[in-house]
PDB file of N, CA and C in Angstrom:
ATOM      1  N   MET A   1     -59.183-102.962 -29.317  1.00  0.00           N
ATOM      2  CA  MET A   1     -58.248-102.039 -28.707  1.00  0.00           C
ATOM      3  C   MET A   1     -57.067-101.858 -29.642  1.00  0.00           C
ATOM      4  N   GLY A   2     -56.754-100.626 -29.952  1.00  0.00           N
ATOM      5  CA  GLY A   2     -55.662-100.342 -30.868  1.00  0.00           C
ATOM      6  C   GLY A   2     -54.312-100.272 -30.170  1.00  0.00           C
ATOM      7  N   VAL A   3     -53.294-100.150 -30.973  1.00  0.00           N
ATOM      8  CA  VAL A   3     -51.931-100.083 -30.439  1.00  0.00           C
ATOM      9  C   VAL A   3     -51.766 -98.862 -29.542  1.00  0.00           C
ATOM     10  N   ARG A   4     -52.327 -97.738 -29.964  1.00  0.00           N
ATOM     11  CA  ARG A   4     -52.208 -96.520 -29.143  1.00  0.00           C
ATOM     12  C   ARG A   4     -52.844 -96.714 -27.783  1.00  0.00           C
ATOM     13  N   SER A   5     -54.048 -97.285 -27.748  1.00  0.00           N
ATOM     14  CA  SER A   5     -54.695 -97.450 -26.457  1.00  0.00           C
ATOM     15  C   SER A   5     -53.986 -98.475 -25.590  1.00  0.00           C
ATOM     16  N   CYS A   6     -53.358 -99.460 -26.192  1.00  0.00           N
ATOM     17  CA  CYS A   6     -52.578-100.433 -25.413  1.00  0.00           C
ATOM     18  C   CYS A   6     -51.370 -99.757 -24.774  1.00  0.00           C
ATOM     19  N   LYS A   7     -50.711 -98.878 -25.525  1.00  0.00           N
ATOM     20  CA  LYS A   7     -49.561 -98.150 -24.976  1.00  0.00           C
ATOM     21  C   LYS A   7     -50.015 -97.231 -23.845  1.00  0.00           C
ATOM     22  N   ALA A   8     -51.133 -96.551 -24.057  1.00  0.00           N
ATOM     23  CA  ALA A   8     -51.651 -95.653 -23.031  1.00  0.00           C
ATOM     24  C   ALA A   8     -52.028 -96.437 -21.780  1.00  0.00           C
ATOM     25  N   GLU A   9     -52.659 -97.571 -21.948  1.00  0.00           N
ATOM     26  CA  GLU A   9     -53.049 -98.408 -20.809  1.00  0.00           C
ATOM     27  C   GLU A   9     -51.814 -98.889 -20.052  1.00  0.00           C
ATOM     28  N   ALA A  10     -50.805 -99.327 -20.779  1.00  0.00           N
ATOM     29  CA  ALA A  10     -49.573 -99.805 -20.143  1.00  0.00           C
ATOM     30  C   ALA A  10     -48.944 -98.702 -19.292  1.00  0.00           C
ATOM     31  N   HIS A  11     -48.993 -97.472 -19.785  1.00  0.00           N
ATOM     32  CA  HIS A  11     -48.385 -96.345 -19.078  1.00  0.00           C
ATOM     33  C   HIS A  11     -49.265 -95.858 -17.930  1.00  0.00           C
ATOM     34  N   ILE A  12     -50.523 -95.583 -18.214  1.00  0.00           N
ATOM     35  CA  ILE A  12     -51.407 -94.952 -17.234  1.00  0.00           C
ATOM     36  C   ILE A  12     -51.859 -95.935 -16.146  1.00  0.00           C
ATOM     37  N   ILE A  13     -52.311 -97.097 -16.552  1.00  0.00           N
ATOM     38  CA  ILE A  13     -52.885 -98.044 -15.590  1.00  0.00           C
ATOM     39  C   ILE A  13     -51.824 -98.916 -14.930  1.00  0.00           C
ATOM     40  N   HIS A  14     -50.892 -99.417 -15.724  1.00  0.00           N
ATOM     41  CA  HIS A  14     -49.929-100.383 -15.203  1.00  0.00           C
ATOM     42  C   HIS A  14     -48.605 -99.769 -14.762  1.00  0.00           C
ATOM     43  N   GLY A  15     -48.401 -98.483 -15.036  1.00  0.00           N
ATOM     44  CA  GLY A  15     -47.245 -97.775 -14.517  1.00  0.00           C
ATOM     45  C   GLY A  15     -45.924 -97.976 -15.244  1.00  0.00           C
ATOM     46  N   TYR A  16     -45.962 -98.526 -16.454  1.00  0.00           N
ATOM     47  CA  TYR A  16     -44.722 -98.665 -17.220  1.00  0.00           C
ATOM     48  C   TYR A  16     -44.250 -97.293 -17.663  1.00  0.00           C
ATOM     49  N   THR A  17     -42.941 -97.103 -17.709  1.00  0.00           N
ATOM     50  CA  THR A  17     -42.412 -95.835 -18.200  1.00  0.00           C
ATOM     51  C   THR A  17     -42.516 -95.820 -19.730  1.00  0.00           C
ATOM     52  N   LEU A  18     -42.451 -94.632 -20.291  1.00  0.00           N
ATOM     53  CA  LEU A  18     -42.505 -94.504 -21.743  1.00  0.00           C
ATOM     54  C   LEU A  18     -41.321 -95.220 -22.383  1.00  0.00           C
ATOM     55  N   LYS A  19     -40.167 -95.154 -21.729  1.00  0.00           N
ATOM     56  CA  LYS A  19     -38.968 -95.820 -22.252  1.00  0.00           C
ATOM     57  C   LYS A  19     -39.153 -97.342 -22.252  1.00  0.00           C
ATOM     58  N   GLU A  20     -39.730 -97.893 -21.207  1.00  0.00           N
ATOM     59  CA  GLU A  20     -39.962 -99.343 -21.148  1.00  0.00           C
ATOM     60  C   GLU A  20     -40.899 -99.791 -22.269  1.00  0.00           C
ATOM     61  N   ILE A  21     -41.935 -99.006 -22.512  1.00  0.00           N
ATOM     62  CA  ILE A  21     -42.891 -99.338 -23.574  1.00  0.00           C
ATOM     63  C   ILE A  21     -42.214 -99.227 -24.938  1.00  0.00           C
ATOM     64  N   ALA A  22     -41.405 -98.195 -25.129  1.00  0.00           N
ATOM     65  CA  ALA A  22     -40.742 -97.956 -26.411  1.00  0.00           C
ATOM     66  C   ALA A  22     -39.667 -98.997 -26.709  1.00  0.00           C
ATOM     67  N   ASP A  23     -38.982 -99.470 -25.685  1.00  0.00           N
ATOM     68  CA  ASP A  23     -37.894-100.434 -25.885  1.00  0.00           C
ATOM     69  C   ASP A  23     -38.379-101.758 -26.467  1.00  0.00           C
ATOM     70  N   CYS A  24     -39.583-102.164 -26.131  1.00  0.00           N
ATOM     71  CA  CYS A  24     -40.095-103.450 -26.609  1.00  0.00           C
ATOM     72  C   CYS A  24     -40.140-103.526 -28.138  1.00  0.00           C
ATOM     73  N   PRO A  25     -40.832-102.595 -28.828  1.00  0.00           N
ATOM     74  CA  PRO A  25     -40.817-102.661 -30.295  1.00  0.00           C
ATOM     75  C   PRO A  25     -39.633-101.928 -30.931  1.00  0.00           C
ATOM     76  N   GLY A  26     -38.790-101.298 -30.106  1.00  0.00           N
ATOM     77  CA  GLY A  26     -37.618-100.605 -30.635  1.00  0.00           C
ATOM     78  C   GLY A  26     -37.924 -99.256 -31.255  1.00  0.00           C
ATOM     79  N   ILE A  27     -38.870 -98.525 -30.656  1.00  0.00           N
ATOM     80  CA  ILE A  27     -39.201 -97.187 -31.149  1.00  0.00           C
ATOM     81  C   ILE A  27     -38.739 -96.149 -30.124  1.00  0.00           C
ATOM     82  N   HIS A  28     -38.758 -94.892 -30.500  1.00  0.00           N
ATOM     83  CA  HIS A  28     -38.329 -93.816 -29.612  1.00  0.00           C
ATOM     84  C   HIS A  28     -39.439 -93.526 -28.605  1.00  0.00           C
ATOM     85  N   TYR A  29     -39.048 -93.170 -27.388  1.00  0.00           N
ATOM     86  CA  TYR A  29     -40.048 -92.917 -26.351  1.00  0.00           C
ATOM     87  C   TYR A  29     -40.956 -91.738 -26.689  1.00  0.00           C
ATOM     88  N   THR A  30     -40.489 -90.806 -27.517  1.00  0.00           N
ATOM     89  CA  THR A  30     -41.325 -89.686 -27.930  1.00  0.00           C
ATOM     90  C   THR A  30     -42.528 -90.165 -28.733  1.00  0.00           C
ATOM     91  N   THR A  31     -42.349 -91.200 -29.531  1.00  0.00           N
ATOM     92  CA  THR A  31     -43.451 -91.782 -30.297  1.00  0.00           C
ATOM     93  C   THR A  31     -44.520 -92.303 -29.345  1.00  0.00           C
ATOM     94  N   VAL A  32     -44.091 -92.966 -28.297  1.00  0.00           N
ATOM     95  CA  VAL A  32     -45.032 -93.481 -27.295  1.00  0.00           C
ATOM     96  C   VAL A  32     -45.711 -92.322 -26.574  1.00  0.00           C
ATOM     97  N   SER A  33     -44.944 -91.291 -26.253  1.00  0.00           N
ATOM     98  CA  SER A  33     -45.492 -90.128 -25.570  1.00  0.00           C
ATOM     99  C   SER A  33     -46.621 -89.485 -26.372  1.00  0.00           C
ATOM    100  N   LYS A  34     -46.407 -89.355 -27.667  1.00  0.00           N
ATOM    101  CA  LYS A  34     -47.437 -88.765 -28.534  1.00  0.00           C
ATOM    102  C   LYS A  34     -48.680 -89.649 -28.593  1.00  0.00           C
ATOM    103  N   ALA A  35     -48.486 -90.959 -28.630  1.00  0.00           N
ATOM    104  CA  ALA A  35     -49.620 -91.878 -28.667  1.00  0.00           C
ATOM    105  C   ALA A  35     -50.418 -91.804 -27.360  1.00  0.00           C
ATOM    106  N   VAL A  36     -49.717 -91.758 -26.244  1.00  0.00           N
ATOM    107  CA  VAL A  36     -50.377 -91.672 -24.944  1.00  0.00           C
ATOM    108  C   VAL A  36     -51.124 -90.346 -24.807  1.00  0.00           C
ATOM    109  N   ALA A  37     -50.499 -89.266 -25.220  1.00  0.00           N
ATOM    110  CA  ALA A  37     -51.150 -87.944 -25.154  1.00  0.00           C
ATOM    111  C   ALA A  37     -52.411 -87.920 -26.012  1.00  0.00           C
ATOM    112  N   GLY A  38     -52.360 -88.552 -27.164  1.00  0.00           N
ATOM    113  CA  GLY A  38     -53.535 -88.608 -28.033  1.00  0.00           C
ATOM    114  C   GLY A  38     -54.678 -89.386 -27.405  1.00  0.00           C
ATOM    115  N   GLU A  39     -54.362 -90.424 -26.667  1.00  0.00           N
ATOM    116  CA  GLU A  39     -55.393 -91.219 -25.997  1.00  0.00           C
ATOM    117  C   GLU A  39     -55.975 -90.476 -24.797  1.00  0.00           C
ATOM    118  N   LYS A  40     -55.172 -89.683 -24.109  1.00  0.00           N
ATOM    119  CA  LYS A  40     -55.654 -88.921 -22.961  1.00  0.00           C
ATOM    120  C   LYS A  40     -56.675 -87.882 -23.385  1.00  0.00           C
ATOM    121  N   LYS A  41     -56.549 -87.360 -24.621  1.00  0.00           N
ATOM    122  CA  LYS A  41     -57.472 -86.338 -25.127  1.00  0.00           C
ATOM    123  C   LYS A  41     -58.857 -86.906 -25.403  1.00  0.00           C
ATOM    124  N   LYS A  42     -58.947 -88.208 -25.606  1.00  0.00           N
ATOM    125  CA  LYS A  42     -60.234 -88.836 -25.951  1.00  0.00           C
ATOM    126  C   LYS A  42     -61.171 -88.885 -24.770  1.00  0.00           C
TER     127      LYS A  42
END
């Protein structure tokens, strides 16, 4: 499981907000949003 799919799982399945996911590694929530959107397309 890659980093993108872990972020998508955290958001979609476990209900974490994009900001909560982004705050952990210190990245912008838009980066997480793009990763989640990319996983949804699969």
